[in-house]
Amino acid sequence: MTHRYPRLVGQFFVVGSLALAAVACTESNDETPAPENDYYPVAVGNYRTYAVTDSLWRDNVLTVQQFQFRERVAATFTDASGQTAYNVIRSRRATATDAWQDDSTLVLLPTDRTLQQIRNNRRTVELVFPTRIGYSWNRDAYNALDTVTAQNREYQQVGEAYTVNGRTYERTVTTTDTELNTATGTTLDDGLYNVAKYRQVYAQGVGPIARIRRRFVYCGTGNCVPSKNYVYRGQVRRETLLELGQL
């Protein structure tokens, strides 16, 4: 059953971790064992390599690309609030024998209560602790897409095993997103004209092991009859962990 906490969002926006601490104190029955921030361990020199499959549709014509991403924790710094932040460099290569080429950067801000990420100047709340099945929160509490009351990310699974690339991780959490049209406040995933889904899986002691984003548009004009057999525009990107280590 989904638990929704509309008051948390407003408090989260104003005082952040204090509100989350209050929720943690009042709802401790469903908590999973500490340390929960170990679902995304971060240390300078750590890296994770992902196999990426990009499936693109244009006028119902499918093209597929495969390549690899590497996310490397390059350095730490202190942000404006005095919090320790980690600079992550994302690199890309076509095959395992090619040289890495830096692609982009992001920033991770881990605390006992949240894991936040800054990417493309957009700050999002990736994880909230403690983890609880069905618990939802405002992913965009700290960026311009915030609607104050939105709860657009939730825990779908907590503490379950997950297998990817032939390896089973015994304890994971899975988050799912509700993608909204920021102009209208309505969901982009209406199940008829549009599909918009994003799922992330984190393994304890490892970090992100899978990311799957699906976005389909079935009609190019307002007067068409949508059909799942015809994709006007679409993309499915799957990122799955290949290896991790220390550089």
C-alpha atoms as a PDB file:
ATOM      1  CA  MET A   1       0.000   0.000   0.000  1.00  0.00           C
ATOM      2  CA  THR A   2       1.375   3.426  -0.894  1.00  0.00           C
ATOM      3  CA  HIS A   3       1.991   5.793   2.017  1.00  0.00           C
ATOM      4  CA  ARG A   4       1.759   9.440   1.075  1.00  0.00           C
ATOM      5  CA  TYR A   5       2.991  12.290   3.207  1.00  0.00           C
ATOM      6  CA  PRO A   6       1.902  15.620   1.728  1.00  0.00           C
ATOM      7  CA  ARG A   7       3.119  17.550   4.764  1.00  0.00           C
ATOM      8  CA  LEU A   8       6.600  16.097   4.394  1.00  0.00           C
ATOM      9  CA  VAL A   9       7.060  17.747   1.005  1.00  0.00           C
ATOM     10  CA  GLY A  10       6.520  21.252   2.265  1.00  0.00           C
ATOM     11  CA  GLN A  11       8.759  20.651   5.255  1.00  0.00           C
ATOM     12  CA  PHE A  12      11.339  18.961   3.080  1.00  0.00           C
ATOM     13  CA  PHE A  13      11.493  22.027   0.874  1.00  0.00           C
ATOM     14  CA  VAL A  14      12.023  24.326   3.854  1.00  0.00           C
ATOM     15  CA  VAL A  15      14.053  22.381   6.358  1.00  0.00           C
ATOM     16  CA  GLY A  16      15.048  19.233   4.507  1.00  0.00           C
ATOM     17  CA  SER A  17      16.639  16.680   6.759  1.00  0.00           C
ATOM     18  CA  LEU A  18      14.841  17.816   9.938  1.00  0.00           C
ATOM     19  CA  ALA A  19      11.502  16.846   8.438  1.00  0.00           C
ATOM     20  CA  LEU A  20      12.857  13.521   7.316  1.00  0.00           C
ATOM     21  CA  ALA A  21      14.235  12.889  10.794  1.00  0.00           C
ATOM     22  CA  ALA A  22      10.791  13.520  12.269  1.00  0.00           C
ATOM     23  CA  VAL A  23       9.193  11.038   9.899  1.00  0.00           C
ATOM     24  CA  ALA A  24      11.860   8.469  10.713  1.00  0.00           C
ATOM     25  CA  CYS A  25      11.125   8.818  14.432  1.00  0.00           C
ATOM     26  CA  THR A  26       7.363   8.417  14.076  1.00  0.00           C
ATOM     27  CA  GLU A  27       7.412   5.543  11.598  1.00  0.00           C
ATOM     28  CA  SER A  28      10.085   3.120  12.748  1.00  0.00           C
ATOM     29  CA  ASN A  29       8.174  -0.152  12.502  1.00  0.00           C
ATOM     30  CA  ASP A  30       8.928  -0.677   8.816  1.00  0.00           C
ATOM     31  CA  GLU A  31      12.566   0.391   8.845  1.00  0.00           C
ATOM     32  CA  THR A  32      15.233  -1.835   7.355  1.00  0.00           C
ATOM     33  CA  PRO A  33      18.526  -2.277   9.219  1.00  0.00           C
ATOM     34  CA  ALA A  34      21.152   0.476   9.212  1.00  0.00           C
ATOM     35  CA  PRO A  35      23.330   1.646   7.595  1.00  0.00           C
ATOM     36  CA  GLU A  36      20.903   2.372   4.786  1.00  0.00           C
ATOM     37  CA  ASN A  37      23.063   4.950   3.040  1.00  0.00           C
ATOM     38  CA  ASP A  38      25.190   1.950   2.065  1.00  0.00           C
ATOM     39  CA  TYR A  39      22.752   1.492  -0.826  1.00  0.00           C
ATOM     40  CA  TYR A  40      24.866   4.135  -2.567  1.00  0.00           C
ATOM     41  CA  PRO A  41      28.394   4.014  -1.092  1.00  0.00           C
ATOM     42  CA  VAL A  42      30.569   6.884  -2.292  1.00  0.00           C
ATOM     43  CA  ALA A  43      34.347   7.271  -1.929  1.00  0.00           C
ATOM     44  CA  VAL A  44      37.003   9.002  -3.995  1.00  0.00           C
ATOM     45  CA  GLY A  45      38.442   6.602  -6.568  1.00  0.00           C
ATOM     46  CA  ASN A  46      35.395   4.339  -6.703  1.00  0.00           C
ATOM     47  CA  TYR A  47      34.055   3.559 -10.156  1.00  0.00           C
ATOM     48  CA  ARG A  48      31.142   1.636 -11.664  1.00  0.00           C
ATOM     49  CA  THR A  49      30.927   0.507 -15.282  1.00  0.00           C
ATOM     50  CA  TYR A  50      27.560   0.010 -16.967  1.00  0.00           C
ATOM     51  CA  ALA A  51      26.447  -1.721 -20.146  1.00  0.00           C
ATOM     52  CA  VAL A  52      24.026   0.572 -21.963  1.00  0.00           C
ATOM     53  CA  THR A  53      21.436  -0.373 -24.564  1.00  0.00           C
ATOM     54  CA  ASP A  54      19.618   2.508 -26.235  1.00  0.00           C
ATOM     55  CA  SER A  55      16.530   1.571 -28.264  1.00  0.00           C
ATOM     56  CA  LEU A  56      15.128   4.472 -30.303  1.00  0.00           C
ATOM     57  CA  TRP A  57      11.895   4.634 -32.320  1.00  0.00           C
ATOM     58  CA  ARG A  58      11.091   7.229 -34.975  1.00  0.00           C
ATOM     59  CA  ASP A  59       7.935   6.773 -37.031  1.00  0.00           C
ATOM     60  CA  ASN A  60       7.863   3.151 -35.851  1.00  0.00           C
ATOM     61  CA  VAL A  61      11.409   2.477 -37.089  1.00  0.00           C
ATOM     62  CA  LEU A  62      13.666   1.018 -34.395  1.00  0.00           C
ATOM     63  CA  THR A  63      17.410   1.586 -34.104  1.00  0.00           C
ATOM     64  CA  VAL A  64      19.555   0.138 -31.310  1.00  0.00           C
ATOM     65  CA  GLN A  65      22.854   1.405 -29.938  1.00  0.00           C
ATOM     66  CA  GLN A  66      25.071  -0.313 -27.403  1.00  0.00           C
ATOM     67  CA  PHE A  67      27.922   1.258 -25.482  1.00  0.00           C
ATOM     68  CA  GLN A  68      29.344   1.581 -21.969  1.00  0.00           C
ATOM     69  CA  PHE A  69      29.288   4.245 -19.263  1.00  0.00           C
ATOM     70  CA  ARG A  70      31.724   4.571 -16.388  1.00  0.00           C
ATOM     71  CA  GLU A  71      30.971   6.699 -13.338  1.00  0.00           C
ATOM     72  CA  ARG A  72      34.101   7.603 -11.377  1.00  0.00           C
ATOM     73  CA  VAL A  73      34.199   9.517  -8.086  1.00  0.00           C
ATOM     74  CA  ALA A  74      36.955  12.022  -8.814  1.00  0.00           C
ATOM     75  CA  ALA A  75      37.076  14.362  -5.812  1.00  0.00           C
ATOM     76  CA  THR A  76      35.278  15.841  -2.821  1.00  0.00           C
ATOM     77  CA  PHE A  77      34.450  19.433  -1.985  1.00  0.00           C
ATOM     78  CA  THR A  78      32.377  21.345   0.548  1.00  0.00           C
ATOM     79  CA  ASP A  79      29.182  22.856  -0.821  1.00  0.00           C
ATOM     80  CA  ALA A  80      27.594  26.163   0.195  1.00  0.00           C
ATOM     81  CA  SER A  81      25.775  24.542   3.120  1.00  0.00           C
ATOM     82  CA  GLY A  82      28.975  23.028   4.522  1.00  0.00           C
ATOM     83  CA  GLN A  83      28.067  19.539   3.347  1.00  0.00           C
ATOM     84  CA  THR A  84      30.602  17.147   1.823  1.00  0.00           C
ATOM     85  CA  ALA A  85      29.877  16.625  -1.866  1.00  0.00           C
ATOM     86  CA  TYR A  86      31.421  14.240  -4.376  1.00  0.00           C
ATOM     87  CA  ASN A  87      32.290  15.123  -7.952  1.00  0.00           C
ATOM     88  CA  VAL A  88      31.562  12.226 -10.339  1.00  0.00           C
ATOM     89  CA  ILE A  89      32.874  12.044 -13.901  1.00  0.00           C
ATOM     90  CA  ARG A  90      30.829  10.012 -16.349  1.00  0.00           C
ATOM     91  CA  SER A  91      32.785   8.623 -19.317  1.00  0.00           C
ATOM     92  CA  ARG A  92      31.630   6.754 -22.410  1.00  0.00           C
ATOM     93  CA  ARG A  93      33.109   4.249 -24.827  1.00  0.00           C
ATOM     94  CA  ALA A  94      31.672   2.202 -27.683  1.00  0.00           C
ATOM     95  CA  THR A  95      33.257  -1.148 -26.752  1.00  0.00           C
ATOM     96  CA  ALA A  96      35.333  -2.627 -23.950  1.00  0.00           C
ATOM     97  CA  THR A  97      38.530  -2.169 -25.999  1.00  0.00           C
ATOM     98  CA  ASP A  98      38.034   1.545 -26.698  1.00  0.00           C
ATOM     99  CA  ALA A  99      39.488   4.358 -24.606  1.00  0.00           C
ATOM    100  CA  TRP A 100      37.183   6.203 -22.236  1.00  0.00           C
ATOM    101  CA  GLN A 101      36.046   9.673 -23.265  1.00  0.00           C
ATOM    102  CA  ASP A 102      34.668  11.994 -20.588  1.00  0.00           C
ATOM    103  CA  ASP A 103      30.990  12.621 -21.273  1.00  0.00           C
ATOM    104  CA  SER A 104      29.553  14.662 -18.389  1.00  0.00           C
ATOM    105  CA  THR A 105      29.808  15.346 -14.671  1.00  0.00           C
ATOM    106  CA  LEU A 106      27.441  15.104 -11.736  1.00  0.00           C
ATOM    107  CA  VAL A 107      27.570  15.736  -7.998  1.00  0.00           C
ATOM    108  CA  LEU A 108      26.453  13.393  -5.219  1.00  0.00           C
ATOM    109  CA  LEU A 109      25.504  14.605  -1.747  1.00  0.00           C
ATOM    110  CA  PRO A 110      25.051  11.644   0.643  1.00  0.00           C
ATOM    111  CA  THR A 111      23.702  12.095   4.174  1.00  0.00           C
ATOM    112  CA  ASP A 112      22.188   9.823   6.794  1.00  0.00           C
ATOM    113  CA  ARG A 113      18.697  10.791   5.583  1.00  0.00           C
ATOM    114  CA  THR A 114      18.965  11.351   1.824  1.00  0.00           C
ATOM    115  CA  LEU A 115      21.081  10.818  -1.255  1.00  0.00           C
ATOM    116  CA  GLN A 116      20.873  13.853  -3.517  1.00  0.00           C
ATOM    117  CA  GLN A 117      22.268  14.328  -7.007  1.00  0.00           C
ATOM    118  CA  ILE A 118      23.030  17.425  -9.071  1.00  0.00           C
ATOM    119  CA  ARG A 119      23.103  16.833 -12.805  1.00  0.00           C
ATOM    120  CA  ASN A 120      22.673  19.395 -15.582  1.00  0.00           C
ATOM    121  CA  ASN A 121      22.158  22.013 -12.838  1.00  0.00           C
ATOM    122  CA  ARG A 122      19.142  20.098 -11.543  1.00  0.00           C
ATOM    123  CA  ARG A 123      19.177  18.822  -7.971  1.00  0.00           C
ATOM    124  CA  THR A 124      17.098  15.719  -7.246  1.00  0.00           C
ATOM    125  CA  VAL A 125      16.460  13.537  -4.207  1.00  0.00           C
ATOM    126  CA  GLU A 126      17.493  10.065  -5.352  1.00  0.00           C
ATOM    127  CA  LEU A 127      16.972   8.149  -2.099  1.00  0.00           C
ATOM    128  CA  VAL A 128      15.346   8.817   1.269  1.00  0.00           C
ATOM    129  CA  PHE A 129      16.142   6.869   4.440  1.00  0.00           C
ATOM    130  CA  PRO A 130      14.814   4.778   6.064  1.00  0.00           C
ATOM    131  CA  THR A 131      13.545   2.778   3.091  1.00  0.00           C
ATOM    132  CA  ARG A 132       9.953   1.538   3.206  1.00  0.00           C
ATOM    133  CA  ILE A 133       7.877  -0.168   0.531  1.00  0.00           C
ATOM    134  CA  GLY A 134       5.380   2.269  -0.933  1.00  0.00           C
ATOM    135  CA  TYR A 135       6.966   5.326   0.677  1.00  0.00           C
ATOM    136  CA  SER A 136       6.892   8.294  -1.737  1.00  0.00           C
ATOM    137  CA  TRP A 137       8.654  11.651  -1.745  1.00  0.00           C
ATOM    138  CA  ASN A 138       9.243  14.771  -3.807  1.00  0.00           C
ATOM    139  CA  ARG A 139      12.140  14.049  -6.133  1.00  0.00           C
ATOM    140  CA  ASP A 140      12.248  17.717  -7.230  1.00  0.00           C
ATOM    141  CA  ALA A 141      12.082  19.361  -3.787  1.00  0.00           C
ATOM    142  CA  TYR A 142      15.251  21.370  -4.481  1.00  0.00           C
ATOM    143  CA  ASN A 143      14.846  22.403  -8.119  1.00  0.00           C
ATOM    144  CA  ALA A 144      12.666  24.588 -10.339  1.00  0.00           C
ATOM    145  CA  LEU A 145      10.308  21.694 -11.163  1.00  0.00           C
ATOM    146  CA  ASP A 146       9.120  21.541  -7.549  1.00  0.00           C
ATOM    147  CA  THR A 147       5.350  21.747  -7.116  1.00  0.00           C
ATOM    148  CA  VAL A 148       5.570  21.637  -3.278  1.00  0.00           C
ATOM    149  CA  THR A 149       2.908  18.904  -3.053  1.00  0.00           C
ATOM    150  CA  ALA A 150       4.247  16.488  -5.680  1.00  0.00           C
ATOM    151  CA  GLN A 151       5.354  13.043  -4.555  1.00  0.00           C
ATOM    152  CA  ASN A 152       6.813  11.629  -7.725  1.00  0.00           C
ATOM    153  CA  ARG A 153       9.260   8.937  -6.606  1.00  0.00           C
ATOM    154  CA  GLU A 154       8.571   5.921  -4.423  1.00  0.00           C
ATOM    155  CA  TYR A 155      10.055   2.681  -3.165  1.00  0.00           C
ATOM    156  CA  GLN A 156       8.553  -0.171  -5.145  1.00  0.00           C
ATOM    157  CA  GLN A 157      10.646  -2.944  -3.598  1.00  0.00           C
ATOM    158  CA  VAL A 158      12.805  -3.040  -0.469  1.00  0.00           C
ATOM    159  CA  GLY A 159      15.200  -5.747   0.710  1.00  0.00           C
ATOM    160  CA  GLU A 160      14.629  -8.130  -2.212  1.00  0.00           C
ATOM    161  CA  ALA A 161      17.165  -9.967  -4.365  1.00  0.00           C
ATOM    162  CA  TYR A 162      17.779  -8.740  -7.924  1.00  0.00           C
ATOM    163  CA  THR A 163      19.742 -10.403 -10.729  1.00  0.00           C
ATOM    164  CA  VAL A 164      21.512  -8.453 -13.448  1.00  0.00           C
ATOM    165  CA  ASN A 165      24.207  -9.538 -15.922  1.00  0.00           C
ATOM    166  CA  GLY A 166      24.342 -12.995 -14.349  1.00  0.00           C
ATOM    167  CA  ARG A 167      24.923 -11.808 -10.799  1.00  0.00           C
ATOM    168  CA  THR A 168      22.370 -11.841  -7.981  1.00  0.00           C
ATOM    169  CA  TYR A 169      22.432  -9.077  -5.385  1.00  0.00           C
ATOM    170  CA  GLU A 170      20.715 -10.305  -2.239  1.00  0.00           C
ATOM    171  CA  ARG A 171      19.506  -7.012  -0.795  1.00  0.00           C
ATOM    172  CA  THR A 172      18.277  -4.214  -3.064  1.00  0.00           C
ATOM    173  CA  VAL A 173      15.818  -1.327  -3.197  1.00  0.00           C
ATOM    174  CA  THR A 174      13.897  -0.262  -6.304  1.00  0.00           C
ATOM    175  CA  THR A 175      12.558   3.233  -6.942  1.00  0.00           C
ATOM    176  CA  THR A 176       9.985   4.202  -9.570  1.00  0.00           C
ATOM    177  CA  ASP A 177       9.097   7.662 -10.857  1.00  0.00           C
ATOM    178  CA  THR A 178       5.882   9.377 -11.862  1.00  0.00           C
ATOM    179  CA  GLU A 179       6.739  11.728 -14.716  1.00  0.00           C
ATOM    180  CA  LEU A 180       4.626  14.893 -14.768  1.00  0.00           C
ATOM    181  CA  ASN A 181       3.896  17.562 -17.345  1.00  0.00           C
ATOM    182  CA  THR A 182       5.158  20.604 -15.434  1.00  0.00           C
ATOM    183  CA  ALA A 183       2.846  22.953 -17.347  1.00  0.00           C
ATOM    184  CA  THR A 184      -0.376  21.084 -16.550  1.00  0.00           C
ATOM    185  CA  GLY A 185       0.557  18.986 -13.521  1.00  0.00           C
ATOM    186  CA  THR A 186      -0.816  15.868 -15.219  1.00  0.00           C
ATOM    187  CA  THR A 187       1.059  12.604 -15.623  1.00  0.00           C
ATOM    188  CA  LEU A 188       2.949  11.936 -18.846  1.00  0.00           C
ATOM    189  CA  ASP A 189       2.233   8.241 -18.402  1.00  0.00           C
ATOM    190  CA  ASP A 190      -1.440   8.097 -19.378  1.00  0.00           C
ATOM    191  CA  GLY A 191      -1.254   4.510 -20.671  1.00  0.00           C
ATOM    192  CA  LEU A 192      -2.861   5.489 -23.973  1.00  0.00           C
ATOM    193  CA  TYR A 193      -1.035   8.260 -25.816  1.00  0.00           C
ATOM    194  CA  ASN A 194       2.136   8.291 -23.735  1.00  0.00           C
ATOM    195  CA  VAL A 195       4.286   6.005 -21.610  1.00  0.00           C
ATOM    196  CA  ALA A 196       6.869   7.530 -19.263  1.00  0.00           C
ATOM    197  CA  LYS A 197       8.541   5.289 -16.682  1.00  0.00           C
ATOM    198  CA  TYR A 198      11.853   5.336 -14.842  1.00  0.00           C
ATOM    199  CA  ARG A 199      13.088   2.613 -12.511  1.00  0.00           C
ATOM    200  CA  GLN A 200      16.353   2.460 -10.564  1.00  0.00           C
ATOM    201  CA  VAL A 201      17.711  -0.475  -8.566  1.00  0.00           C
ATOM    202  CA  TYR A 202      20.340  -0.103  -5.829  1.00  0.00           C
ATOM    203  CA  ALA A 203      22.201  -2.959  -4.140  1.00  0.00           C
ATOM    204  CA  GLN A 204      23.392  -2.623  -0.563  1.00  0.00           C
ATOM    205  CA  GLY A 205      27.149  -2.168  -0.393  1.00  0.00           C
ATOM    206  CA  VAL A 206      27.312  -1.688  -4.167  1.00  0.00           C
ATOM    207  CA  GLY A 207      25.196   1.243  -5.365  1.00  0.00           C
ATOM    208  CA  PRO A 208      23.125   1.574  -8.552  1.00  0.00           C
ATOM    209  CA  ILE A 209      22.996  -1.723 -10.447  1.00  0.00           C
ATOM    210  CA  ALA A 210      20.225  -0.978 -12.962  1.00  0.00           C
ATOM    211  CA  ARG A 211      18.472   2.028 -14.476  1.00  0.00           C
ATOM    212  CA  ILE A 212      15.637   1.613 -16.967  1.00  0.00           C
ATOM    213  CA  ARG A 213      13.930   4.571 -18.621  1.00  0.00           C
ATOM    214  CA  ARG A 214      10.978   4.099 -21.002  1.00  0.00           C
ATOM    215  CA  ARG A 215       9.358   6.910 -22.955  1.00  0.00           C
ATOM    216  CA  PHE A 216       6.846   6.326 -25.768  1.00  0.00           C
ATOM    217  CA  VAL A 217       4.665   8.739 -27.740  1.00  0.00           C
ATOM    218  CA  TYR A 218       2.074   6.927 -29.835  1.00  0.00           C
ATOM    219  CA  CYS A 219       0.531   9.896 -31.654  1.00  0.00           C
ATOM    220  CA  GLY A 220       2.198  12.733 -33.515  1.00  0.00           C
ATOM    221  CA  THR A 221      -1.042  14.694 -33.897  1.00  0.00           C
ATOM    222  CA  GLY A 222      -4.095  15.152 -31.737  1.00  0.00           C
ATOM    223  CA  ASN A 223      -6.502  13.386 -34.076  1.00  0.00           C
ATOM    224  CA  CYS A 224      -4.760  10.021 -34.410  1.00  0.00           C
ATOM    225  CA  VAL A 225      -5.891   6.755 -32.845  1.00  0.00           C
ATOM    226  CA  PRO A 226      -3.071   5.497 -30.580  1.00  0.00           C
ATOM    227  CA  SER A 227      -1.854   1.957 -31.090  1.00  0.00           C
ATOM    228  CA  LYS A 228       0.797   0.020 -29.189  1.00  0.00           C
ATOM    229  CA  ASN A 229       1.773  -1.450 -32.552  1.00  0.00           C
ATOM    230  CA  TYR A 230       2.941   1.946 -33.836  1.00  0.00           C
ATOM    231  CA  VAL A 231       5.440   4.114 -31.952  1.00  0.00           C
ATOM    232  CA  TYR A 232       5.640   7.672 -33.228  1.00  0.00           C
ATOM    233  CA  ARG A 233       8.609   8.536 -30.982  1.00  0.00           C
ATOM    234  CA  GLY A 234      10.179   6.385 -28.317  1.00  0.00           C
ATOM    235  CA  GLN A 235      13.232   5.493 -26.292  1.00  0.00           C
ATOM    236  CA  VAL A 236      14.168   2.724 -23.891  1.00  0.00           C
ATOM    237  CA  ARG A 237      17.533   3.075 -22.184  1.00  0.00           C
ATOM    238  CA  ARG A 238      18.839   0.254 -20.006  1.00  0.00           C
ATOM    239  CA  GLU A 239      21.960   0.711 -17.909  1.00  0.00           C
ATOM    240  CA  THR A 240      23.131  -2.394 -16.046  1.00  0.00           C
ATOM    241  CA  LEU A 241      26.189  -2.771 -13.837  1.00  0.00           C
ATOM    242  CA  LEU A 242      29.115  -4.663 -15.342  1.00  0.00           C
ATOM    243  CA  GLU A 243      31.824  -4.060 -12.766  1.00  0.00           C
ATOM    244  CA  LEU A 244      32.924  -1.824  -9.932  1.00  0.00           C
ATOM    245  CA  GLY A 245      36.239  -1.141  -8.300  1.00  0.00           C
ATOM    246  CA  GLN A 246      38.819   1.409  -7.187  1.00  0.00           C
ATOM    247  CA  LEU A 247      41.082   3.453  -9.449  1.00  0.00           C
END
